[in-house]
């Protein structure tokens, strides 16, 4: 993936995350976009209450991944670097 495409994709993903951020913050959590690799796998870091929450896998799948794939359907997966991978 060239640098310009990656920059544009990261901007779209960041906007999608910003759209759901108020819901995460309402429960004392947050998420930070880390990177996207050449296989279109997005890396995020869960912050605050999201780090230790037993619902984090569900938040990743139904919340963050859903929001990101809506604006960037080429994304294959979202992985949190600080929790176990969600299938």
PDB file of N, CA and C in Angstrom:
ATOM      1  N   UNK A   1       0.862  -1.167   0.000  1.00  0.00           N
ATOM      2  CA  UNK A   1       0.000   0.000   0.000  1.00  0.00           C
ATOM      3  C   UNK A   1       0.909   1.231   0.000  1.00  0.00           C
ATOM      4  N   UNK A   2       0.647   2.153  -0.915  1.00  0.00           N
ATOM      5  CA  UNK A   2       1.500   3.339  -0.969  1.00  0.00           C
ATOM      6  C   UNK A   2       1.167   4.302   0.178  1.00  0.00           C
ATOM      7  N   UNK A   3       2.077   5.213   0.422  1.00  0.00           N
ATOM      8  CA  UNK A   3       1.969   6.117   1.578  1.00  0.00           C
ATOM      9  C   UNK A   3       0.713   6.988   1.530  1.00  0.00           C
ATOM     10  N   UNK A   4       0.349   7.458   0.349  1.00  0.00           N
ATOM     11  CA  UNK A   4      -0.830   8.328   0.227  1.00  0.00           C
ATOM     12  C   UNK A   4      -2.120   7.558   0.516  1.00  0.00           C
ATOM     13  N   UNK A   5      -2.221   6.332  -0.031  1.00  0.00           N
ATOM     14  CA  UNK A   5      -3.401   5.505   0.229  1.00  0.00           C
ATOM     15  C   UNK A   5      -3.496   5.179   1.722  1.00  0.00           C
ATOM     16  N   UNK A   6      -2.367   4.856   2.342  1.00  0.00           N
ATOM     17  CA  UNK A   6      -2.353   4.540   3.764  1.00  0.00           C
ATOM     18  C   UNK A   6      -2.802   5.743   4.585  1.00  0.00           C
ATOM     19  N   UNK A   7      -2.308   6.926   4.222  1.00  0.00           N
ATOM     20  CA  UNK A   7      -2.685   8.155   4.935  1.00  0.00           C
ATOM     21  C   UNK A   7      -4.185   8.405   4.829  1.00  0.00           C
ATOM     22  N   UNK A   8      -4.747   8.253   3.628  1.00  0.00           N
ATOM     23  CA  UNK A   8      -6.184   8.458   3.423  1.00  0.00           C
ATOM     24  C   UNK A   8      -7.011   7.432   4.198  1.00  0.00           C
ATOM     25  N   UNK A   9      -6.570   6.189   4.166  1.00  0.00           N
ATOM     26  CA  UNK A   9      -7.277   5.124   4.870  1.00  0.00           C
ATOM     27  C   UNK A   9      -7.237   5.348   6.383  1.00  0.00           C
ATOM     28  N   UNK A  10      -6.080   5.723   6.907  1.00  0.00           N
ATOM     29  CA  UNK A  10      -5.961   6.006   8.342  1.00  0.00           C
ATOM     30  C   UNK A  10      -6.871   7.158   8.747  1.00  0.00           C
ATOM     31  N   UNK A  11      -7.005   8.157   7.877  1.00  0.00           N
ATOM     32  CA  UNK A  11      -7.885   9.293   8.180  1.00  0.00           C
ATOM     33  C   UNK A  11      -9.346   8.835   8.257  1.00  0.00           C
ATOM     34  N   UNK A  12      -9.764   7.972   7.326  1.00  0.00           N
ATOM     35  CA  UNK A  12     -11.141   7.454   7.350  1.00  0.00           C
ATOM     36  C   UNK A  12     -11.389   6.614   8.604  1.00  0.00           C
ATOM     37  N   UNK A  13     -10.421   5.783   8.930  1.00  0.00           N
ATOM     38  CA  UNK A  13     -10.549   4.922  10.105  1.00  0.00           C
ATOM     39  C   UNK A  13     -10.604   5.762  11.375  1.00  0.00           C
ATOM     40  N   UNK A  14      -9.756   6.769  11.453  1.00  0.00           N
ATOM     41  CA  UNK A  14      -9.735   7.641  12.627  1.00  0.00           C
ATOM     42  C   UNK A  14     -11.072   8.358  12.790  1.00  0.00           C
ATOM     43  N   UNK A  15     -11.666   8.787  11.690  1.00  0.00           N
ATOM     44  CA  UNK A  15     -12.972   9.446  11.757  1.00  0.00           C
ATOM     45  C   UNK A  15     -14.048   8.482  12.256  1.00  0.00           C
ATOM     46  N   UNK A  16     -14.008   7.242  11.790  1.00  0.00           N
ATOM     47  CA  UNK A  16     -14.978   6.237  12.252  1.00  0.00           C
ATOM     48  C   UNK A  16     -14.826   6.012  13.752  1.00  0.00           C
ATOM     49  N   UNK A  17     -13.592   5.940  14.218  1.00  0.00           N
ATOM     50  CA  UNK A  17     -13.341   5.754  15.649  1.00  0.00           C
ATOM     51  C   UNK A  17     -13.827   6.971  16.430  1.00  0.00           C
ATOM     52  N   UNK A  18     -13.592   8.158  15.900  1.00  0.00           N
ATOM     53  CA  UNK A  18     -14.064   9.375  16.571  1.00  0.00           C
ATOM     54  C   UNK A  18     -15.582   9.387  16.711  1.00  0.00           C
ATOM     55  N   UNK A  19     -16.282   8.781  15.754  1.00  0.00           N
ATOM     56  CA  UNK A  19     -17.749   8.732  15.810  1.00  0.00           C
ATOM     57  C   UNK A  19     -18.270   7.859  16.941  1.00  0.00           C
ATOM     58  N   UNK A  20     -17.511   6.816  17.308  1.00  0.00           N
ATOM     59  CA  UNK A  20     -17.972   5.940  18.391  1.00  0.00           C
ATOM     60  C   UNK A  20     -17.291   6.256  19.726  1.00  0.00           C
ATOM     61  N   UNK A  21     -16.288   7.110  19.691  1.00  0.00           N
ATOM     62  CA  UNK A  21     -15.537   7.446  20.908  1.00  0.00           C
ATOM     63  C   UNK A  21     -16.430   7.915  22.064  1.00  0.00           C
ATOM     64  N   UNK A  22     -17.462   8.743  21.842  1.00  0.00           N
ATOM     65  CA  UNK A  22     -18.302   9.170  22.968  1.00  0.00           C
ATOM     66  C   UNK A  22     -18.936   8.005  23.725  1.00  0.00           C
ATOM     67  N   UNK A  23     -19.265   6.922  23.023  1.00  0.00           N
ATOM     68  CA  UNK A  23     -19.862   5.758  23.676  1.00  0.00           C
ATOM     69  C   UNK A  23     -18.839   5.047  24.562  1.00  0.00           C
ATOM     70  N   UNK A  24     -17.617   4.975  24.082  1.00  0.00           N
ATOM     71  CA  UNK A  24     -16.552   4.364  24.882  1.00  0.00           C
ATOM     72  C   UNK A  24     -16.240   5.222  26.101  1.00  0.00           C
ATOM     73  N   UNK A  25     -16.149   6.534  25.876  1.00  0.00           N
ATOM     74  CA  UNK A  25     -15.832   7.457  26.969  1.00  0.00           C
ATOM     75  C   UNK A  25     -16.925   7.471  28.033  1.00  0.00           C
ATOM     76  N   UNK A  26     -18.166   7.250  27.631  1.00  0.00           N
ATOM     77  CA  UNK A  26     -19.275   7.228  28.592  1.00  0.00           C
ATOM     78  C   UNK A  26     -19.086   6.125  29.623  1.00  0.00           C
ATOM     79  N   UNK A  27     -18.366   5.066  29.233  1.00  0.00           N
ATOM     80  CA  UNK A  27     -18.097   3.961  30.149  1.00  0.00           C
ATOM     81  C   UNK A  27     -16.678   4.011  30.706  1.00  0.00           C
ATOM     82  N   UNK A  28     -15.994   5.134  30.522  1.00  0.00           N
ATOM     83  CA  UNK A  28     -14.657   5.310  31.076  1.00  0.00           C
ATOM     84  C   UNK A  28     -13.540   4.730  30.227  1.00  0.00           C
ATOM     85  N   UNK A  29     -13.834   4.446  28.966  1.00  0.00           N
ATOM     86  CA  UNK A  29     -12.818   3.867  28.096  1.00  0.00           C
ATOM     87  C   UNK A  29     -12.504   4.754  26.912  1.00  0.00           C
ATOM     88  N   UNK A  30     -11.609   4.271  26.078  1.00  0.00           N
ATOM     89  CA  UNK A  30     -11.245   4.977  24.851  1.00  0.00           C
ATOM     90  C   UNK A  30     -10.471   4.003  23.968  1.00  0.00           C
ATOM     91  N   UNK A  31     -10.179   4.430  22.766  1.00  0.00           N
ATOM     92  CA  UNK A  31      -9.400   3.619  21.834  1.00  0.00           C
ATOM     93  C   UNK A  31      -8.489   4.559  21.056  1.00  0.00           C
ATOM     94  N   UNK A  32      -7.287   4.059  20.756  1.00  0.00           N
ATOM     95  CA  UNK A  32      -6.320   4.851  19.993  1.00  0.00           C
ATOM     96  C   UNK A  32      -5.928   4.054  18.754  1.00  0.00           C
ATOM     97  N   UNK A  33      -6.013   4.697  17.595  1.00  0.00           N
ATOM     98  CA  UNK A  33      -5.582   4.088  16.344  1.00  0.00           C
ATOM     99  C   UNK A  33      -4.057   4.043  16.333  1.00  0.00           C
ATOM    100  N   UNK A  34      -3.502   2.854  16.116  1.00  0.00           N
ATOM    101  CA  UNK A  34      -2.049   2.689  16.118  1.00  0.00           C
ATOM    102  C   UNK A  34      -1.510   2.673  14.696  1.00  0.00           C
ATOM    103  N   UNK A  35      -2.045   1.776  13.837  1.00  0.00           N
ATOM    104  CA  UNK A  35      -1.507   1.640  12.485  1.00  0.00           C
ATOM    105  C   UNK A  35      -2.403   0.720  11.670  1.00  0.00           C
ATOM    106  N   UNK A  36      -2.102   0.632  10.381  1.00  0.00           N
ATOM    107  CA  UNK A  36      -2.710  -0.366   9.500  1.00  0.00           C
ATOM    108  C   UNK A  36      -1.577  -0.980   8.702  1.00  0.00           C
ATOM    109  N   UNK A  37      -1.594  -2.306   8.559  1.00  0.00           N
ATOM    110  CA  UNK A  37      -0.509  -2.946   7.819  1.00  0.00           C
ATOM    111  C   UNK A  37      -0.907  -3.157   6.356  1.00  0.00           C
ATOM    112  N   UNK A  38       0.016  -3.703   5.588  1.00  0.00           N
ATOM    113  CA  UNK A  38      -0.221  -3.897   4.152  1.00  0.00           C
ATOM    114  C   UNK A  38      -1.276  -4.952   3.851  1.00  0.00           C
ATOM    115  N   UNK A  39      -1.654  -5.741   4.865  1.00  0.00           N
ATOM    116  CA  UNK A  39      -2.720  -6.735   4.712  1.00  0.00           C
ATOM    117  C   UNK A  39      -4.076  -6.173   5.133  1.00  0.00           C
ATOM    118  N   UNK A  40      -4.130  -4.858   5.367  1.00  0.00           N
ATOM    119  CA  UNK A  40      -5.356  -4.160   5.762  1.00  0.00           C
ATOM    120  C   UNK A  40      -5.880  -4.626   7.116  1.00  0.00           C
ATOM    121  N   UNK A  41      -4.956  -4.902   8.028  1.00  0.00           N
ATOM    122  CA  UNK A  41      -5.301  -5.223   9.407  1.00  0.00           C
ATOM    123  C   UNK A  41      -4.976  -3.985  10.244  1.00  0.00           C
ATOM    124  N   UNK A  42      -5.993  -3.474  10.928  1.00  0.00           N
ATOM    125  CA  UNK A  42      -5.852  -2.260  11.736  1.00  0.00           C
ATOM    126  C   UNK A  42      -5.448  -2.641  13.149  1.00  0.00           C
ATOM    127  N   UNK A  43      -4.503  -1.893  13.688  1.00  0.00           N
ATOM    128  CA  UNK A  43      -4.088  -2.091  15.074  1.00  0.00           C
ATOM    129  C   UNK A  43      -4.553  -0.897  15.889  1.00  0.00           C
ATOM    130  N   UNK A  44      -5.215  -1.206  16.998  1.00  0.00           N
ATOM    131  CA  UNK A  44      -5.672  -0.169  17.922  1.00  0.00           C
ATOM    132  C   UNK A  44      -5.213  -0.534  19.324  1.00  0.00           C
ATOM    133  N   UNK A  45      -5.261   0.439  20.202  1.00  0.00           N
ATOM    134  CA  UNK A  45      -4.965   0.209  21.606  1.00  0.00           C
ATOM    135  C   UNK A  45      -6.183   0.622  22.407  1.00  0.00           C
ATOM    136  N   UNK A  46      -6.691  -0.285  23.220  1.00  0.00           N
ATOM    137  CA  UNK A  46      -7.812   0.033  24.095  1.00  0.00           C
ATOM    138  C   UNK A  46      -7.267   0.716  25.342  1.00  0.00           C
ATOM    139  N   UNK A  47      -7.952   1.763  25.755  1.00  0.00           N
ATOM    140  CA  UNK A  47      -7.482   2.576  26.871  1.00  0.00           C
ATOM    141  C   UNK A  47      -8.529   2.655  27.970  1.00  0.00           C
ATOM    142  N   UNK A  48      -8.091   3.045  29.148  1.00  0.00           N
ATOM    143  CA  UNK A  48      -9.006   3.254  30.271  1.00  0.00           C
ATOM    144  C   UNK A  48      -9.734   1.975  30.630  1.00  0.00           C
ATOM    145  N   UNK A  49     -11.024   2.099  30.883  1.00  0.00           N
ATOM    146  CA  UNK A  49     -11.835   0.960  31.304  1.00  0.00           C
ATOM    147  C   UNK A  49     -11.874  -0.139  30.249  1.00  0.00           C
ATOM    148  N   UNK A  50     -11.666   0.202  28.990  1.00  0.00           N
ATOM    149  CA  UNK A  50     -11.723  -0.801  27.922  1.00  0.00           C
ATOM    150  C   UNK A  50     -10.600  -1.835  28.033  1.00  0.00           C
ATOM    151  N   UNK A  51      -9.478  -1.450  28.644  1.00  0.00           N
ATOM    152  CA  UNK A  51      -8.338  -2.364  28.751  1.00  0.00           C
ATOM    153  C   UNK A  51      -8.684  -3.636  29.510  1.00  0.00           C
ATOM    154  N   UNK A  52      -9.387  -3.496  30.617  1.00  0.00           N
ATOM    155  CA  UNK A  52      -9.650  -4.646  31.484  1.00  0.00           C
ATOM    156  C   UNK A  52     -11.094  -5.137  31.429  1.00  0.00           C
ATOM    157  N   UNK A  53     -11.910  -4.501  30.624  1.00  0.00           N
ATOM    158  CA  UNK A  53     -13.331  -4.846  30.581  1.00  0.00           C
ATOM    159  C   UNK A  53     -13.546  -6.216  29.936  1.00  0.00           C
ATOM    160  N   UNK A  54     -14.343  -7.082  30.577  1.00  0.00           N
ATOM    161  CA  UNK A  54     -14.621  -8.387  29.975  1.00  0.00           C
ATOM    162  C   UNK A  54     -15.442  -8.279  28.683  1.00  0.00           C
ATOM    163  N   UNK A  55     -16.031  -7.127  28.432  1.00  0.00           N
ATOM    164  CA  UNK A  55     -16.810  -6.929  27.211  1.00  0.00           C
ATOM    165  C   UNK A  55     -15.963  -6.382  26.060  1.00  0.00           C
ATOM    166  N   UNK A  56     -14.667  -6.185  26.275  1.00  0.00           N
ATOM    167  CA  UNK A  56     -13.799  -5.626  25.233  1.00  0.00           C
ATOM    168  C   UNK A  56     -13.844  -6.394  23.918  1.00  0.00           C
ATOM    169  N   UNK A  57     -13.821  -7.731  23.940  1.00  0.00           N
ATOM    170  CA  UNK A  57     -13.918  -8.439  22.650  1.00  0.00           C
ATOM    171  C   UNK A  57     -15.204  -8.107  21.891  1.00  0.00           C
ATOM    172  N   UNK A  58     -16.301  -7.980  22.608  1.00  0.00           N
ATOM    173  CA  UNK A  58     -17.562  -7.636  21.962  1.00  0.00           C
ATOM    174  C   UNK A  58     -17.525  -6.184  21.457  1.00  0.00           C
ATOM    175  N   UNK A  59     -16.952  -5.297  22.244  1.00  0.00           N
ATOM    176  CA  UNK A  59     -16.796  -3.902  21.822  1.00  0.00           C
ATOM    177  C   UNK A  59     -15.963  -3.833  20.552  1.00  0.00           C
ATOM    178  N   UNK A  60     -14.903  -4.622  20.493  1.00  0.00           N
ATOM    179  CA  UNK A  60     -14.046  -4.635  19.304  1.00  0.00           C
ATOM    180  C   UNK A  60     -14.825  -5.094  18.073  1.00  0.00           C
ATOM    181  N   UNK A  61     -15.568  -6.185  18.219  1.00  0.00           N
ATOM    182  CA  UNK A  61     -16.244  -6.791  17.076  1.00  0.00           C
ATOM    183  C   UNK A  61     -17.478  -5.982  16.660  1.00  0.00           C
ATOM    184  N   UNK A  62     -18.369  -5.742  17.590  1.00  0.00           N
ATOM    185  CA  UNK A  62     -19.658  -5.129  17.258  1.00  0.00           C
ATOM    186  C   UNK A  62     -19.583  -3.612  17.184  1.00  0.00           C
ATOM    187  N   UNK A  63     -18.628  -3.011  17.853  1.00  0.00           N
ATOM    188  CA  UNK A  63     -18.553  -1.551  17.869  1.00  0.00           C
ATOM    189  C   UNK A  63     -17.501  -1.011  16.936  1.00  0.00           C
ATOM    190  N   UNK A  64     -16.253  -1.214  17.294  1.00  0.00           N
ATOM    191  CA  UNK A  64     -15.142  -0.606  16.560  1.00  0.00           C
ATOM    192  C   UNK A  64     -15.011  -1.188  15.158  1.00  0.00           C
ATOM    193  N   UNK A  65     -14.982  -2.512  15.055  1.00  0.00           N
ATOM    194  CA  UNK A  65     -14.814  -3.130  13.737  1.00  0.00           C
ATOM    195  C   UNK A  65     -15.969  -2.787  12.802  1.00  0.00           C
ATOM    196  N   UNK A  66     -17.168  -2.820  13.310  1.00  0.00           N
ATOM    197  CA  UNK A  66     -18.346  -2.481  12.506  1.00  0.00           C
ATOM    198  C   UNK A  66     -18.261  -1.045  11.979  1.00  0.00           C
ATOM    199  N   UNK A  67     -17.903  -0.112  12.845  1.00  0.00           N
ATOM    200  CA  UNK A  67     -17.806   1.298  12.449  1.00  0.00           C
ATOM    201  C   UNK A  67     -16.710   1.507  11.404  1.00  0.00           C
ATOM    202  N   UNK A  68     -15.586   0.852  11.592  1.00  0.00           N
ATOM    203  CA  UNK A  68     -14.461   1.017  10.659  1.00  0.00           C
ATOM    204  C   UNK A  68     -14.787   0.401   9.300  1.00  0.00           C
ATOM    205  N   UNK A  69     -15.331  -0.809   9.297  1.00  0.00           N
ATOM    206  CA  UNK A  69     -15.626  -1.474   8.028  1.00  0.00           C
ATOM    207  C   UNK A  69     -16.722  -0.765   7.243  1.00  0.00           C
ATOM    208  N   UNK A  70     -17.549  -0.006   7.920  1.00  0.00           N
ATOM    209  CA  UNK A  70     -18.582   0.771   7.231  1.00  0.00           C
ATOM    210  C   UNK A  70     -17.947   1.849   6.347  1.00  0.00           C
ATOM    211  N   UNK A  71     -16.857   2.470   6.808  1.00  0.00           N
ATOM    212  CA  UNK A  71     -16.208   3.534   6.039  1.00  0.00           C
ATOM    213  C   UNK A  71     -15.015   3.032   5.233  1.00  0.00           C
ATOM    214  N   UNK A  72     -14.484   1.874   5.618  1.00  0.00           N
ATOM    215  CA  UNK A  72     -13.311   1.319   4.935  1.00  0.00           C
ATOM    216  C   UNK A  72     -13.498  -0.192   4.775  1.00  0.00           C
ATOM    217  N   UNK A  73     -14.340  -0.601   3.813  1.00  0.00           N
ATOM    218  CA  UNK A  73     -14.652  -2.027   3.655  1.00  0.00           C
ATOM    219  C   UNK A  73     -13.444  -2.895   3.307  1.00  0.00           C
ATOM    220  N   UNK A  74     -12.364  -2.279   2.851  1.00  0.00           N
ATOM    221  CA  UNK A  74     -11.168  -3.060   2.521  1.00  0.00           C
ATOM    222  C   UNK A  74     -10.425  -3.560   3.763  1.00  0.00           C
ATOM    223  N   UNK A  75     -10.773  -3.042   4.927  1.00  0.00           N
ATOM    224  CA  UNK A  75     -10.159  -3.491   6.178  1.00  0.00           C
ATOM    225  C   UNK A  75     -10.577  -4.938   6.438  1.00  0.00           C
ATOM    226  N   UNK A  76      -9.572  -5.778   6.682  1.00  0.00           N
ATOM    227  CA  UNK A  76      -9.822  -7.210   6.906  1.00  0.00           C
ATOM    228  C   UNK A  76     -10.122  -7.523   8.368  1.00  0.00           C
ATOM    229  N   UNK A  77      -9.448  -6.824   9.281  1.00  0.00           N
ATOM    230  CA  UNK A  77      -9.625  -7.111  10.702  1.00  0.00           C
ATOM    231  C   UNK A  77      -9.151  -5.934  11.536  1.00  0.00           C
ATOM    232  N   UNK A  78      -9.585  -5.930  12.781  1.00  0.00           N
ATOM    233  CA  UNK A  78      -9.137  -4.947  13.754  1.00  0.00           C
ATOM    234  C   UNK A  78      -8.583  -5.725  14.933  1.00  0.00           C
ATOM    235  N   UNK A  79      -7.368  -5.432  15.319  1.00  0.00           N
ATOM    236  CA  UNK A  79      -6.750  -6.106  16.452  1.00  0.00           C
ATOM    237  C   UNK A  79      -6.313  -5.083  17.480  1.00  0.00           C
ATOM    238  N   UNK A  80      -6.657  -5.360  18.718  1.00  0.00           N
ATOM    239  CA  UNK A  80      -6.187  -4.527  19.821  1.00  0.00           C
ATOM    240  C   UNK A  80      -4.834  -5.079  20.256  1.00  0.00           C
ATOM    241  N   UNK A  81      -3.841  -4.219  20.316  1.00  0.00           N
ATOM    242  CA  UNK A  81      -2.498  -4.672  20.648  1.00  0.00           C
ATOM    243  C   UNK A  81      -2.365  -5.051  22.116  1.00  0.00           C
ATOM    244  N   UNK A  82      -3.361  -4.673  22.936  1.00  0.00           N
ATOM    245  CA  UNK A  82      -3.260  -4.937  24.374  1.00  0.00           C
ATOM    246  C   UNK A  82      -4.348  -5.873  24.907  1.00  0.00           C
ATOM    247  N   UNK A  83      -5.069  -6.570  24.027  1.00  0.00           N
ATOM    248  CA  UNK A  83      -5.966  -7.652  24.466  1.00  0.00           C
ATOM    249  C   UNK A  83      -5.814  -8.812  23.505  1.00  0.00           C
ATOM    250  N   UNK A  84      -6.344  -9.954  23.869  1.00  0.00           N
ATOM    251  CA  UNK A  84      -6.276 -11.124  22.993  1.00  0.00           C
ATOM    252  C   UNK A  84      -7.060 -10.860  21.711  1.00  0.00           C
ATOM    253  N   UNK A  85      -6.619 -11.415  20.610  1.00  0.00           N
ATOM    254  CA  UNK A  85      -7.288 -11.226  19.318  1.00  0.00           C
ATOM    255  C   UNK A  85      -8.716 -11.751  19.375  1.00  0.00           C
ATOM    256  N   UNK A  86      -9.577 -11.101  18.616  1.00  0.00           N
ATOM    257  CA  UNK A  86     -10.980 -11.487  18.535  1.00  0.00           C
ATOM    258  C   UNK A  86     -11.217 -12.081  17.152  1.00  0.00           C
ATOM    259  N   UNK A  87     -11.835 -13.231  17.099  1.00  0.00           N
ATOM    260  CA  UNK A  87     -12.101 -13.857  15.801  1.00  0.00           C
ATOM    261  C   UNK A  87     -13.487 -13.524  15.315  1.00  0.00           C
TER     262      UNK A  87
END
